[in-house]
């Protein structure tokens, strides 16, 4: 939905002109969820809920729960330390077993993060 983080265009703006429900879309998670009652977790920028590299995968949340790493997230889940209602926004094409694919993704994402960090600071 949000498009390329390097683009000046934000695809959410499409719905300022059109009504997505007219196209049999039953819900849009950025518009139809009350995030004061739902904890939003995203892996954007190879980090959990980091606003450091995140240009568009954001919501106004009633929760301030830092997630430092994947193992920390798993611990929070196991301990029951997260709210009852969660939305995970996960980009599966970014997750690899260790090896060449992981190294490539790590390098490319870190380069993209450097550019996004700069663009966010310009805002």
PDB file of N, CA and C in Angstrom:
ATOM      1  N   UNK A   1       0.821  -1.189   0.000  1.00  0.00           N
ATOM      2  CA  UNK A   1       0.000   0.000   0.000  1.00  0.00           C
ATOM      3  C   UNK A   1       0.861   1.247   0.000  1.00  0.00           C
ATOM      4  N   UNK A   2       1.955   1.239   0.708  1.00  0.00           N
ATOM      5  CA  UNK A   2       2.706   2.470   0.929  1.00  0.00           C
ATOM      6  C   UNK A   2       3.711   2.792  -0.169  1.00  0.00           C
ATOM      7  N   UNK A   3       4.028   1.840  -1.021  1.00  0.00           N
ATOM      8  CA  UNK A   3       4.914   2.112  -2.146  1.00  0.00           C
ATOM      9  C   UNK A   3       6.362   2.244  -1.734  1.00  0.00           C
ATOM     10  N   UNK A   4       7.177   2.648  -2.662  1.00  0.00           N
ATOM     11  CA  UNK A   4       8.611   2.773  -2.431  1.00  0.00           C
ATOM     12  C   UNK A   4       8.905   3.885  -1.432  1.00  0.00           C
ATOM     13  N   UNK A   5       9.761   3.617  -0.443  1.00  0.00           N
ATOM     14  CA  UNK A   5      10.101   4.659   0.527  1.00  0.00           C
ATOM     15  C   UNK A   5      10.896   5.802  -0.102  1.00  0.00           C
ATOM     16  N   UNK A   6      11.475   5.569  -1.272  1.00  0.00           N
ATOM     17  CA  UNK A   6      12.245   6.617  -1.936  1.00  0.00           C
ATOM     18  C   UNK A   6      11.363   7.530  -2.794  1.00  0.00           C
ATOM     19  N   UNK A   7      10.139   7.103  -3.038  1.00  0.00           N
ATOM     20  CA  UNK A   7       9.239   7.886  -3.878  1.00  0.00           C
ATOM     21  C   UNK A   7       8.632   9.042  -3.096  1.00  0.00           C
ATOM     22  N   UNK A   8       8.372  10.127  -3.779  1.00  0.00           N
ATOM     23  CA  UNK A   8       7.677  11.244  -3.131  1.00  0.00           C
ATOM     24  C   UNK A   8       6.191  10.942  -2.969  1.00  0.00           C
ATOM     25  N   UNK A   9       5.706   9.892  -3.668  1.00  0.00           N
ATOM     26  CA  UNK A   9       4.293   9.549  -3.640  1.00  0.00           C
ATOM     27  C   UNK A   9       3.990   8.610  -2.487  1.00  0.00           C
ATOM     28  N   UNK A  10       2.891   8.869  -1.820  1.00  0.00           N
ATOM     29  CA  UNK A  10       2.399   7.984  -0.777  1.00  0.00           C
ATOM     30  C   UNK A  10       1.075   7.417  -1.273  1.00  0.00           C
ATOM     31  N   UNK A  11       1.023   6.117  -1.484  1.00  0.00           N
ATOM     32  CA  UNK A  11      -0.157   5.490  -2.082  1.00  0.00           C
ATOM     33  C   UNK A  11      -1.413   5.640  -1.228  1.00  0.00           C
ATOM     34  N   UNK A  12      -1.268   5.912   0.058  1.00  0.00           N
ATOM     35  CA  UNK A  12      -2.448   6.130   0.911  1.00  0.00           C
ATOM     36  C   UNK A  12      -3.285   7.302   0.411  1.00  0.00           C
ATOM     37  N   UNK A  13      -2.644   8.249  -0.227  1.00  0.00           N
ATOM     38  CA  UNK A  13      -3.350   9.457  -0.691  1.00  0.00           C
ATOM     39  C   UNK A  13      -4.369   9.139  -1.782  1.00  0.00           C
ATOM     40  N   UNK A  14      -4.227   7.978  -2.428  1.00  0.00           N
ATOM     41  CA  UNK A  14      -5.187   7.550  -3.434  1.00  0.00           C
ATOM     42  C   UNK A  14      -6.604   7.579  -2.859  1.00  0.00           C
ATOM     43  N   UNK A  15      -6.729   7.221  -1.568  1.00  0.00           N
ATOM     44  CA  UNK A  15      -8.050   7.109  -0.954  1.00  0.00           C
ATOM     45  C   UNK A  15      -8.604   8.456  -0.510  1.00  0.00           C
ATOM     46  N   UNK A  16      -7.870   9.526  -0.747  1.00  0.00           N
ATOM     47  CA  UNK A  16      -8.441  10.859  -0.545  1.00  0.00           C
ATOM     48  C   UNK A  16      -9.406  11.200  -1.684  1.00  0.00           C
ATOM     49  N   UNK A  17      -9.184  10.562  -2.835  1.00  0.00           N
ATOM     50  CA  UNK A  17     -10.023  10.809  -4.005  1.00  0.00           C
ATOM     51  C   UNK A  17     -11.062   9.705  -4.209  1.00  0.00           C
ATOM     52  N   UNK A  18     -10.694   8.464  -3.875  1.00  0.00           N
ATOM     53  CA  UNK A  18     -11.572   7.317  -4.100  1.00  0.00           C
ATOM     54  C   UNK A  18     -11.934   6.675  -2.762  1.00  0.00           C
ATOM     55  N   UNK A  19     -13.024   5.916  -2.769  1.00  0.00           N
ATOM     56  CA  UNK A  19     -13.434   5.172  -1.588  1.00  0.00           C
ATOM     57  C   UNK A  19     -13.103   3.701  -1.823  1.00  0.00           C
ATOM     58  N   UNK A  20     -12.163   3.167  -1.064  1.00  0.00           N
ATOM     59  CA  UNK A  20     -11.731   1.796  -1.288  1.00  0.00           C
ATOM     60  C   UNK A  20     -12.858   0.783  -1.097  1.00  0.00           C
ATOM     61  N   UNK A  21     -13.853   1.112  -0.313  1.00  0.00           N
ATOM     62  CA  UNK A  21     -14.975   0.185  -0.112  1.00  0.00           C
ATOM     63  C   UNK A  21     -15.808   0.032  -1.391  1.00  0.00           C
ATOM     64  N   UNK A  22     -15.722   1.019  -2.303  1.00  0.00           N
ATOM     65  CA  UNK A  22     -16.393   0.909  -3.597  1.00  0.00           C
ATOM     66  C   UNK A  22     -15.766  -0.180  -4.471  1.00  0.00           C
ATOM     67  N   UNK A  23     -14.579  -0.650  -4.085  1.00  0.00           N
ATOM     68  CA  UNK A  23     -13.848  -1.657  -4.854  1.00  0.00           C
ATOM     69  C   UNK A  23     -13.790  -2.993  -4.113  1.00  0.00           C
ATOM     70  N   UNK A  24     -14.775  -3.221  -3.243  1.00  0.00           N
ATOM     71  CA  UNK A  24     -14.905  -4.462  -2.464  1.00  0.00           C
ATOM     72  C   UNK A  24     -13.741  -4.702  -1.506  1.00  0.00           C
ATOM     73  N   UNK A  25     -13.021  -3.642  -1.162  1.00  0.00           N
ATOM     74  CA  UNK A  25     -11.992  -3.748  -0.126  1.00  0.00           C
ATOM     75  C   UNK A  25     -12.721  -3.566   1.201  1.00  0.00           C
ATOM     76  N   UNK A  26     -12.661  -4.577   2.057  1.00  0.00           N
ATOM     77  CA  UNK A  26     -13.470  -4.538   3.278  1.00  0.00           C
ATOM     78  C   UNK A  26     -12.824  -3.735   4.399  1.00  0.00           C
ATOM     79  N   UNK A  27     -11.506  -3.565   4.342  1.00  0.00           N
ATOM     80  CA  UNK A  27     -10.837  -2.782   5.386  1.00  0.00           C
ATOM     81  C   UNK A  27      -9.473  -2.334   4.890  1.00  0.00           C
ATOM     82  N   UNK A  28      -9.015  -1.238   5.408  1.00  0.00           N
ATOM     83  CA  UNK A  28      -7.685  -0.721   5.125  1.00  0.00           C
ATOM     84  C   UNK A  28      -7.020  -0.528   6.491  1.00  0.00           C
ATOM     85  N   UNK A  29      -5.982  -1.301   6.795  1.00  0.00           N
ATOM     86  CA  UNK A  29      -5.439  -1.302   8.148  1.00  0.00           C
ATOM     87  C   UNK A  29      -4.934   0.056   8.637  1.00  0.00           C
ATOM     88  N   UNK A  30      -4.538   0.923   7.745  1.00  0.00           N
ATOM     89  CA  UNK A  30      -4.061   2.228   8.188  1.00  0.00           C
ATOM     90  C   UNK A  30      -5.211   3.183   8.515  1.00  0.00           C
ATOM     91  N   UNK A  31      -6.419   2.872   8.045  1.00  0.00           N
ATOM     92  CA  UNK A  31      -7.557   3.757   8.281  1.00  0.00           C
ATOM     93  C   UNK A  31      -8.616   3.165   9.202  1.00  0.00           C
ATOM     94  N   UNK A  32      -8.768   1.857   9.206  1.00  0.00           N
ATOM     95  CA  UNK A  32      -9.912   1.232   9.863  1.00  0.00           C
ATOM     96  C   UNK A  32      -9.590   0.557  11.198  1.00  0.00           C
ATOM     97  N   UNK A  33      -8.391   0.714  11.685  1.00  0.00           N
ATOM     98  CA  UNK A  33      -8.012   0.104  12.958  1.00  0.00           C
ATOM     99  C   UNK A  33      -7.801   1.213  13.983  1.00  0.00           C
ATOM    100  N   UNK A  34      -8.329   1.009  15.178  1.00  0.00           N
ATOM    101  CA  UNK A  34      -8.129   1.944  16.286  1.00  0.00           C
ATOM    102  C   UNK A  34      -6.837   1.551  16.992  1.00  0.00           C
ATOM    103  N   UNK A  35      -5.744   2.229  16.655  1.00  0.00           N
ATOM    104  CA  UNK A  35      -4.430   1.867  17.187  1.00  0.00           C
ATOM    105  C   UNK A  35      -4.230   2.288  18.642  1.00  0.00           C
ATOM    106  N   UNK A  36      -5.234   2.894  19.239  1.00  0.00           N
ATOM    107  CA  UNK A  36      -5.158   3.094  20.684  1.00  0.00           C
ATOM    108  C   UNK A  36      -5.476   1.775  21.390  1.00  0.00           C
ATOM    109  N   UNK A  37      -6.053   0.818  20.635  1.00  0.00           N
ATOM    110  CA  UNK A  37      -6.430  -0.484  21.194  1.00  0.00           C
ATOM    111  C   UNK A  37      -5.661  -1.652  20.570  1.00  0.00           C
ATOM    112  N   UNK A  38      -4.856  -1.366  19.553  1.00  0.00           N
ATOM    113  CA  UNK A  38      -4.128  -2.417  18.835  1.00  0.00           C
ATOM    114  C   UNK A  38      -2.666  -2.002  18.734  1.00  0.00           C
ATOM    115  N   UNK A  39      -1.776  -2.893  19.135  1.00  0.00           N
ATOM    116  CA  UNK A  39      -0.330  -2.618  19.038  1.00  0.00           C
ATOM    117  C   UNK A  39       0.157  -3.003  17.647  1.00  0.00           C
ATOM    118  N   UNK A  40       0.799  -2.066  16.962  1.00  0.00           N
ATOM    119  CA  UNK A  40       1.279  -2.240  15.592  1.00  0.00           C
ATOM    120  C   UNK A  40       2.778  -2.525  15.637  1.00  0.00           C
ATOM    121  N   UNK A  41       3.175  -3.603  14.974  1.00  0.00           N
ATOM    122  CA  UNK A  41       4.587  -3.982  14.931  1.00  0.00           C
ATOM    123  C   UNK A  41       4.974  -4.162  13.468  1.00  0.00           C
ATOM    124  N   UNK A  42       6.043  -3.483  13.047  1.00  0.00           N
ATOM    125  CA  UNK A  42       6.526  -3.628  11.677  1.00  0.00           C
ATOM    126  C   UNK A  42       8.027  -3.896  11.677  1.00  0.00           C
ATOM    127  N   UNK A  43       8.489  -4.613  10.653  1.00  0.00           N
ATOM    128  CA  UNK A  43       9.913  -4.903  10.507  1.00  0.00           C
ATOM    129  C   UNK A  43      10.576  -3.998   9.471  1.00  0.00           C
ATOM    130  N   UNK A  44       9.939  -2.903   9.147  1.00  0.00           N
ATOM    131  CA  UNK A  44      10.470  -1.978   8.148  1.00  0.00           C
ATOM    132  C   UNK A  44      11.884  -1.543   8.508  1.00  0.00           C
ATOM    133  N   UNK A  45      12.762  -1.557   7.512  1.00  0.00           N
ATOM    134  CA  UNK A  45      14.147  -1.131   7.718  1.00  0.00           C
ATOM    135  C   UNK A  45      14.979  -2.128   8.498  1.00  0.00           C
ATOM    136  N   UNK A  46      14.535  -3.389   8.541  1.00  0.00           N
ATOM    137  CA  UNK A  46      15.232  -4.449   9.293  1.00  0.00           C
ATOM    138  C   UNK A  46      15.337  -4.109  10.770  1.00  0.00           C
ATOM    139  N   UNK A  47      14.310  -3.458  11.283  1.00  0.00           N
ATOM    140  CA  UNK A  47      14.250  -3.132  12.713  1.00  0.00           C
ATOM    141  C   UNK A  47      12.784  -3.154  13.126  1.00  0.00           C
ATOM    142  N   UNK A  48      12.528  -3.452  14.385  1.00  0.00           N
ATOM    143  CA  UNK A  48      11.156  -3.531  14.869  1.00  0.00           C
ATOM    144  C   UNK A  48      10.701  -2.164  15.374  1.00  0.00           C
ATOM    145  N   UNK A  49       9.696  -1.598  14.692  1.00  0.00           N
ATOM    146  CA  UNK A  49       9.064  -0.323  15.067  1.00  0.00           C
ATOM    147  C   UNK A  49      10.062   0.828  15.202  1.00  0.00           C
ATOM    148  N   UNK A  50      11.065   0.822  14.390  1.00  0.00           N
ATOM    149  CA  UNK A  50      12.057   1.901  14.444  1.00  0.00           C
ATOM    150  C   UNK A  50      11.610   3.063  13.571  1.00  0.00           C
ATOM    151  N   UNK A  51      11.530   4.250  14.153  1.00  0.00           N
ATOM    152  CA  UNK A  51      11.198   5.419  13.338  1.00  0.00           C
ATOM    153  C   UNK A  51      12.442   6.033  12.715  1.00  0.00           C
ATOM    154  N   UNK A  52      13.572   5.438  12.985  1.00  0.00           N
ATOM    155  CA  UNK A  52      14.836   5.944  12.457  1.00  0.00           C
ATOM    156  C   UNK A  52      14.923   5.797  10.936  1.00  0.00           C
ATOM    157  N   UNK A  53      14.385   4.674  10.416  1.00  0.00           N
ATOM    158  CA  UNK A  53      14.463   4.404   8.975  1.00  0.00           C
ATOM    159  C   UNK A  53      13.093   4.241   8.334  1.00  0.00           C
ATOM    160  N   UNK A  54      12.049   4.520   9.044  1.00  0.00           N
ATOM    161  CA  UNK A  54      10.700   4.231   8.590  1.00  0.00           C
ATOM    162  C   UNK A  54      10.023   5.504   8.090  1.00  0.00           C
ATOM    163  N   UNK A  55       9.712   5.543   6.816  1.00  0.00           N
ATOM    164  CA  UNK A  55       9.070   6.735   6.250  1.00  0.00           C
ATOM    165  C   UNK A  55       7.560   6.630   6.213  1.00  0.00           C
ATOM    166  N   UNK A  56       7.005   5.411   6.051  1.00  0.00           N
ATOM    167  CA  UNK A  56       5.561   5.311   5.828  1.00  0.00           C
ATOM    168  C   UNK A  56       4.847   4.244   6.645  1.00  0.00           C
ATOM    169  N   UNK A  57       5.539   3.240   7.118  1.00  0.00           N
ATOM    170  CA  UNK A  57       4.888   2.176   7.897  1.00  0.00           C
ATOM    171  C   UNK A  57       4.706   2.636   9.341  1.00  0.00           C
ATOM    172  N   UNK A  58       3.896   3.643   9.518  1.00  0.00           N
ATOM    173  CA  UNK A  58       3.718   4.192  10.860  1.00  0.00           C
ATOM    174  C   UNK A  58       2.233   4.373  11.149  1.00  0.00           C
ATOM    175  N   UNK A  59       1.915   4.333  12.425  1.00  0.00           N
ATOM    176  CA  UNK A  59       0.562   4.606  12.890  1.00  0.00           C
ATOM    177  C   UNK A  59       0.677   5.436  14.164  1.00  0.00           C
ATOM    178  N   UNK A  60      -0.392   6.135  14.505  1.00  0.00           N
ATOM    179  CA  UNK A  60      -0.449   6.832  15.785  1.00  0.00           C
ATOM    180  C   UNK A  60      -0.966   5.811  16.785  1.00  0.00           C
ATOM    181  N   UNK A  61      -0.121   5.462  17.744  1.00  0.00           N
ATOM    182  CA  UNK A  61      -0.411   4.343  18.615  1.00  0.00           C
ATOM    183  C   UNK A  61      -0.628   4.776  20.053  1.00  0.00           C
ATOM    184  N   UNK A  62      -1.438   4.022  20.755  1.00  0.00           N
ATOM    185  CA  UNK A  62      -1.613   4.229  22.179  1.00  0.00           C
ATOM    186  C   UNK A  62      -0.574   3.468  22.978  1.00  0.00           C
ATOM    187  N   UNK A  63       0.357   2.810  22.291  1.00  0.00           N
ATOM    188  CA  UNK A  63       1.359   1.979  22.952  1.00  0.00           C
ATOM    189  C   UNK A  63       2.766   2.495  22.663  1.00  0.00           C
ATOM    190  N   UNK A  64       3.601   2.419  23.667  1.00  0.00           N
ATOM    191  CA  UNK A  64       5.015   2.730  23.497  1.00  0.00           C
ATOM    192  C   UNK A  64       5.800   1.558  24.077  1.00  0.00           C
ATOM    193  N   UNK A  65       5.913   0.516  23.283  1.00  0.00           N
ATOM    194  CA  UNK A  65       6.587  -0.697  23.718  1.00  0.00           C
ATOM    195  C   UNK A  65       7.807  -0.887  22.822  1.00  0.00           C
ATOM    196  N   UNK A  66       8.980  -0.626  23.325  1.00  0.00           N
ATOM    197  CA  UNK A  66      10.169  -0.820  22.496  1.00  0.00           C
ATOM    198  C   UNK A  66      10.430  -2.298  22.240  1.00  0.00           C
ATOM    199  N   UNK A  67      10.783  -2.605  21.002  1.00  0.00           N
ATOM    200  CA  UNK A  67      11.157  -3.971  20.626  1.00  0.00           C
ATOM    201  C   UNK A  67      12.568  -3.875  20.080  1.00  0.00           C
ATOM    202  N   UNK A  68      13.521  -4.395  20.826  1.00  0.00           N
ATOM    203  CA  UNK A  68      14.940  -4.212  20.507  1.00  0.00           C
ATOM    204  C   UNK A  68      15.468  -5.175  19.448  1.00  0.00           C
ATOM    205  N   UNK A  69      14.856  -6.357  19.351  1.00  0.00           N
ATOM    206  CA  UNK A  69      15.355  -7.374  18.419  1.00  0.00           C
ATOM    207  C   UNK A  69      14.277  -8.443  18.252  1.00  0.00           C
ATOM    208  N   UNK A  70      14.513  -9.345  17.317  1.00  0.00           N
ATOM    209  CA  UNK A  70      13.563 -10.437  17.121  1.00  0.00           C
ATOM    210  C   UNK A  70      13.499 -11.316  18.364  1.00  0.00           C
ATOM    211  N   UNK A  71      14.638 -11.608  18.972  1.00  0.00           N
ATOM    212  CA  UNK A  71      14.618 -12.445  20.181  1.00  0.00           C
ATOM    213  C   UNK A  71      13.897 -11.715  21.317  1.00  0.00           C
ATOM    214  N   UNK A  72      14.036 -10.398  21.397  1.00  0.00           N
ATOM    215  CA  UNK A  72      13.302  -9.625  22.405  1.00  0.00           C
ATOM    216  C   UNK A  72      11.798  -9.684  22.125  1.00  0.00           C
ATOM    217  N   UNK A  73      11.401  -9.570  20.857  1.00  0.00           N
ATOM    218  CA  UNK A  73       9.992  -9.675  20.484  1.00  0.00           C
ATOM    219  C   UNK A  73       9.430 -11.042  20.885  1.00  0.00           C
ATOM    220  N   UNK A  74      10.177 -12.095  20.601  1.00  0.00           N
ATOM    221  CA  UNK A  74       9.737 -13.445  20.973  1.00  0.00           C
ATOM    222  C   UNK A  74       9.582 -13.547  22.491  1.00  0.00           C
ATOM    223  N   UNK A  75      10.511 -12.976  23.235  1.00  0.00           N
ATOM    224  CA  UNK A  75      10.415 -12.983  24.706  1.00  0.00           C
ATOM    225  C   UNK A  75       9.170 -12.245  25.180  1.00  0.00           C
ATOM    226  N   UNK A  76       8.887 -11.088  24.588  1.00  0.00           N
ATOM    227  CA  UNK A  76       7.696 -10.333  24.963  1.00  0.00           C
ATOM    228  C   UNK A  76       6.428 -11.142  24.713  1.00  0.00           C
ATOM    229  N   UNK A  77       6.399 -11.860  23.598  1.00  0.00           N
ATOM    230  CA  UNK A  77       5.235 -12.699  23.279  1.00  0.00           C
ATOM    231  C   UNK A  77       5.117 -13.833  24.295  1.00  0.00           C
ATOM    232  N   UNK A  78       6.213 -14.529  24.543  1.00  0.00           N
ATOM    233  CA  UNK A  78       6.187 -15.659  25.489  1.00  0.00           C
ATOM    234  C   UNK A  78       5.794 -15.224  26.901  1.00  0.00           C
ATOM    235  N   UNK A  79       6.241 -14.028  27.304  1.00  0.00           N
ATOM    236  CA  UNK A  79       5.954 -13.531  28.653  1.00  0.00           C
ATOM    237  C   UNK A  79       4.549 -12.940  28.775  1.00  0.00           C
ATOM    238  N   UNK A  80       3.858 -12.816  27.649  1.00  0.00           N
ATOM    239  CA  UNK A  80       2.535 -12.200  27.669  1.00  0.00           C
ATOM    240  C   UNK A  80       2.613 -10.711  27.952  1.00  0.00           C
ATOM    241  N   UNK A  81       3.726 -10.083  27.558  1.00  0.00           N
ATOM    242  CA  UNK A  81       3.968  -8.673  27.854  1.00  0.00           C
ATOM    243  C   UNK A  81       3.412  -7.725  26.789  1.00  0.00           C
ATOM    244  N   UNK A  82       2.804  -8.281  25.752  1.00  0.00           N
ATOM    245  CA  UNK A  82       2.239  -7.441  24.688  1.00  0.00           C
ATOM    246  C   UNK A  82       0.725  -7.374  24.863  1.00  0.00           C
ATOM    247  N   UNK A  83       0.115  -6.317  24.325  1.00  0.00           N
ATOM    248  CA  UNK A  83      -1.349  -6.211  24.402  1.00  0.00           C
ATOM    249  C   UNK A  83      -2.024  -7.412  23.733  1.00  0.00           C
ATOM    250  N   UNK A  84      -3.279  -7.585  24.055  1.00  0.00           N
ATOM    251  CA  UNK A  84      -4.050  -8.706  23.514  1.00  0.00           C
ATOM    252  C   UNK A  84      -4.220  -8.599  22.002  1.00  0.00           C
ATOM    253  N   UNK A  85      -4.361  -7.377  21.501  1.00  0.00           N
ATOM    254  CA  UNK A  85      -4.578  -7.167  20.070  1.00  0.00           C
ATOM    255  C   UNK A  85      -3.303  -6.619  19.434  1.00  0.00           C
ATOM    256  N   UNK A  86      -2.857  -7.307  18.366  1.00  0.00           N
ATOM    257  CA  UNK A  86      -1.613  -6.958  17.673  1.00  0.00           C
ATOM    258  C   UNK A  86      -1.833  -6.973  16.175  1.00  0.00           C
ATOM    259  N   UNK A  87      -1.098  -6.139  15.487  1.00  0.00           N
ATOM    260  CA  UNK A  87      -0.976  -6.250  14.029  1.00  0.00           C
ATOM    261  C   UNK A  87       0.514  -6.321  13.740  1.00  0.00           C
ATOM    262  N   UNK A  88       0.904  -7.388  13.044  1.00  0.00           N
ATOM    263  CA  UNK A  88       2.280  -7.541  12.583  1.00  0.00           C
ATOM    264  C   UNK A  88       2.314  -7.182  11.104  1.00  0.00           C
ATOM    265  N   UNK A  89       3.142  -6.220  10.732  1.00  0.00           N
ATOM    266  CA  UNK A  89       3.376  -5.888   9.333  1.00  0.00           C
ATOM    267  C   UNK A  89       4.784  -6.386   9.020  1.00  0.00           C
ATOM    268  N   UNK A  90       4.851  -7.557   8.419  1.00  0.00           N
ATOM    269  CA  UNK A  90       6.133  -8.213   8.191  1.00  0.00           C
ATOM    270  C   UNK A  90       6.353  -8.365   6.692  1.00  0.00           C
ATOM    271  N   UNK A  91       7.564  -8.093   6.267  1.00  0.00           N
ATOM    272  CA  UNK A  91       7.952  -8.191   4.867  1.00  0.00           C
ATOM    273  C   UNK A  91       8.739  -9.494   4.684  1.00  0.00           C
ATOM    274  N   UNK A  92       8.073 -10.596   4.325  1.00  0.00           N
ATOM    275  CA  UNK A  92       8.750 -11.904   4.292  1.00  0.00           C
ATOM    276  C   UNK A  92       9.894 -11.995   3.293  1.00  0.00           C
ATOM    277  N   UNK A  93       9.889 -11.162   2.266  1.00  0.00           N
ATOM    278  CA  UNK A  93      10.970 -11.211   1.289  1.00  0.00           C
ATOM    279  C   UNK A  93      12.287 -10.690   1.874  1.00  0.00           C
ATOM    280  N   UNK A  94      12.268 -10.178   3.081  1.00  0.00           N
ATOM    281  CA  UNK A  94      13.473  -9.674   3.731  1.00  0.00           C
ATOM    282  C   UNK A  94      14.104 -10.682   4.687  1.00  0.00           C
ATOM    283  N   UNK A  95      13.449 -11.808   4.907  1.00  0.00           N
ATOM    284  CA  UNK A  95      13.912 -12.774   5.907  1.00  0.00           C
ATOM    285  C   UNK A  95      14.574 -13.960   5.208  1.00  0.00           C
ATOM    286  N   UNK A  96      15.826 -14.210   5.573  1.00  0.00           N
ATOM    287  CA  UNK A  96      16.614 -15.278   4.964  1.00  0.00           C
ATOM    288  C   UNK A  96      17.316 -16.080   6.051  1.00  0.00           C
ATOM    289  N   UNK A  97      17.603 -17.332   5.734  1.00  0.00           N
ATOM    290  CA  UNK A  97      18.544 -18.084   6.552  1.00  0.00           C
ATOM    291  C   UNK A  97      19.931 -17.520   6.276  1.00  0.00           C
ATOM    292  N   UNK A  98      20.856 -17.653   7.212  1.00  0.00           N
ATOM    293  CA  UNK A  98      22.215 -17.141   6.963  1.00  0.00           C
ATOM    294  C   UNK A  98      22.777 -17.682   5.656  1.00  0.00           C
ATOM    295  N   UNK A  99      23.474 -16.816   4.942  1.00  0.00           N
ATOM    296  CA  UNK A  99      24.074 -17.200   3.664  1.00  0.00           C
ATOM    297  C   UNK A  99      24.137 -16.000   2.741  1.00  0.00           C
ATOM    298  N   UNK A 100      24.312 -16.266   1.465  1.00  0.00           N
ATOM    299  CA  UNK A 100      24.485 -15.218   0.462  1.00  0.00           C
ATOM    300  C   UNK A 100      23.266 -14.296   0.395  1.00  0.00           C
ATOM    301  N   UNK A 101      22.068 -14.871   0.397  1.00  0.00           N
ATOM    302  CA  UNK A 101      20.857 -14.042   0.337  1.00  0.00           C
ATOM    303  C   UNK A 101      20.755 -13.103   1.522  1.00  0.00           C
ATOM    304  N   UNK A 102      21.093 -13.601   2.703  1.00  0.00           N
ATOM    305  CA  UNK A 102      21.037 -12.777   3.908  1.00  0.00           C
ATOM    306  C   UNK A 102      22.038 -11.624   3.815  1.00  0.00           C
ATOM    307  N   UNK A 103      23.255 -11.914   3.378  1.00  0.00           N
ATOM    308  CA  UNK A 103      24.296 -10.882   3.267  1.00  0.00           C
ATOM    309  C   UNK A 103      23.871  -9.824   2.254  1.00  0.00           C
ATOM    310  N   UNK A 104      23.358 -10.263   1.113  1.00  0.00           N
ATOM    311  CA  UNK A 104      22.906  -9.317   0.086  1.00  0.00           C
ATOM    312  C   UNK A 104      21.799  -8.419   0.639  1.00  0.00           C
ATOM    313  N   UNK A 105      20.791  -9.017   1.278  1.00  0.00           N
ATOM    314  CA  UNK A 105      19.688  -8.242   1.841  1.00  0.00           C
ATOM    315  C   UNK A 105      20.181  -7.278   2.907  1.00  0.00           C
ATOM    316  N   UNK A 106      21.101  -7.722   3.740  1.00  0.00           N
ATOM    317  CA  UNK A 106      21.672  -6.888   4.799  1.00  0.00           C
ATOM    318  C   UNK A 106      22.352  -5.653   4.204  1.00  0.00           C
ATOM    319  N   UNK A 107      23.157  -5.850   3.188  1.00  0.00           N
ATOM    320  CA  UNK A 107      23.886  -4.734   2.560  1.00  0.00           C
ATOM    321  C   UNK A 107      22.920  -3.784   1.869  1.00  0.00           C
ATOM    322  N   UNK A 108      22.015  -4.328   1.050  1.00  0.00           N
ATOM    323  CA  UNK A 108      21.068  -3.486   0.308  1.00  0.00           C
ATOM    324  C   UNK A 108      20.174  -2.705   1.271  1.00  0.00           C
ATOM    325  N   UNK A 109      19.651  -3.372   2.303  1.00  0.00           N
ATOM    326  CA  UNK A 109      18.760  -2.687   3.238  1.00  0.00           C
ATOM    327  C   UNK A 109      19.500  -1.606   4.021  1.00  0.00           C
ATOM    328  N   UNK A 110      20.742  -1.859   4.397  1.00  0.00           N
ATOM    329  CA  UNK A 110      21.501  -0.832   5.112  1.00  0.00           C
ATOM    330  C   UNK A 110      21.785   0.380   4.234  1.00  0.00           C
ATOM    331  N   UNK A 111      22.010   0.164   2.952  1.00  0.00           N
ATOM    332  CA  UNK A 111      22.175   1.289   2.030  1.00  0.00           C
ATOM    333  C   UNK A 111      20.873   2.083   1.923  1.00  0.00           C
ATOM    334  N   UNK A 112      19.757   1.363   1.779  1.00  0.00           N
ATOM    335  CA  UNK A 112      18.456   2.029   1.711  1.00  0.00           C
ATOM    336  C   UNK A 112      18.161   2.775   3.010  1.00  0.00           C
ATOM    337  N   UNK A 113      18.508   2.180   4.138  1.00  0.00           N
ATOM    338  CA  UNK A 113      18.272   2.836   5.419  1.00  0.00           C
ATOM    339  C   UNK A 113      19.045   4.141   5.536  1.00  0.00           C
ATOM    340  N   UNK A 114      20.252   4.170   5.011  1.00  0.00           N
ATOM    341  CA  UNK A 114      21.038   5.406   5.052  1.00  0.00           C
ATOM    342  C   UNK A 114      20.331   6.507   4.268  1.00  0.00           C
ATOM    343  N   UNK A 115      19.807   6.171   3.098  1.00  0.00           N
ATOM    344  CA  UNK A 115      19.078   7.156   2.291  1.00  0.00           C
ATOM    345  C   UNK A 115      17.792   7.572   3.008  1.00  0.00           C
ATOM    346  N   UNK A 116      17.037   6.611   3.551  1.00  0.00           N
ATOM    347  CA  UNK A 116      15.788   6.936   4.254  1.00  0.00           C
ATOM    348  C   UNK A 116      16.061   7.800   5.476  1.00  0.00           C
ATOM    349  N   UNK A 117      17.133   7.507   6.200  1.00  0.00           N
ATOM    350  CA  UNK A 117      17.500   8.299   7.375  1.00  0.00           C
ATOM    351  C   UNK A 117      17.691   9.763   6.968  1.00  0.00           C
ATOM    352  N   UNK A 118      18.392   9.983   5.868  1.00  0.00           N
ATOM    353  CA  UNK A 118      18.624  11.334   5.360  1.00  0.00           C
ATOM    354  C   UNK A 118      17.319  11.990   4.937  1.00  0.00           C
ATOM    355  N   UNK A 119      16.462  11.257   4.213  1.00  0.00           N
ATOM    356  CA  UNK A 119      15.181  11.817   3.766  1.00  0.00           C
ATOM    357  C   UNK A 119      14.267  12.167   4.952  1.00  0.00           C
ATOM    358  N   UNK A 120      14.279  11.331   5.971  1.00  0.00           N
ATOM    359  CA  UNK A 120      13.465  11.608   7.163  1.00  0.00           C
ATOM    360  C   UNK A 120      13.936  12.877   7.853  1.00  0.00           C
ATOM    361  N   UNK A 121      15.239  13.065   7.915  1.00  0.00           N
ATOM    362  CA  UNK A 121      15.791  14.280   8.553  1.00  0.00           C
ATOM    363  C   UNK A 121      15.472  15.535   7.762  1.00  0.00           C
ATOM    364  N   UNK A 122      15.285  15.399   6.439  1.00  0.00           N
ATOM    365  CA  UNK A 122      14.927  16.551   5.606  1.00  0.00           C
ATOM    366  C   UNK A 122      13.486  16.985   5.827  1.00  0.00           C
ATOM    367  N   UNK A 123      12.633  16.078   6.264  1.00  0.00           N
ATOM    368  CA  UNK A 123      11.210  16.348   6.456  1.00  0.00           C
ATOM    369  C   UNK A 123      10.965  17.470   7.384  1.00  0.00           C
TER     370      UNK A 123
END
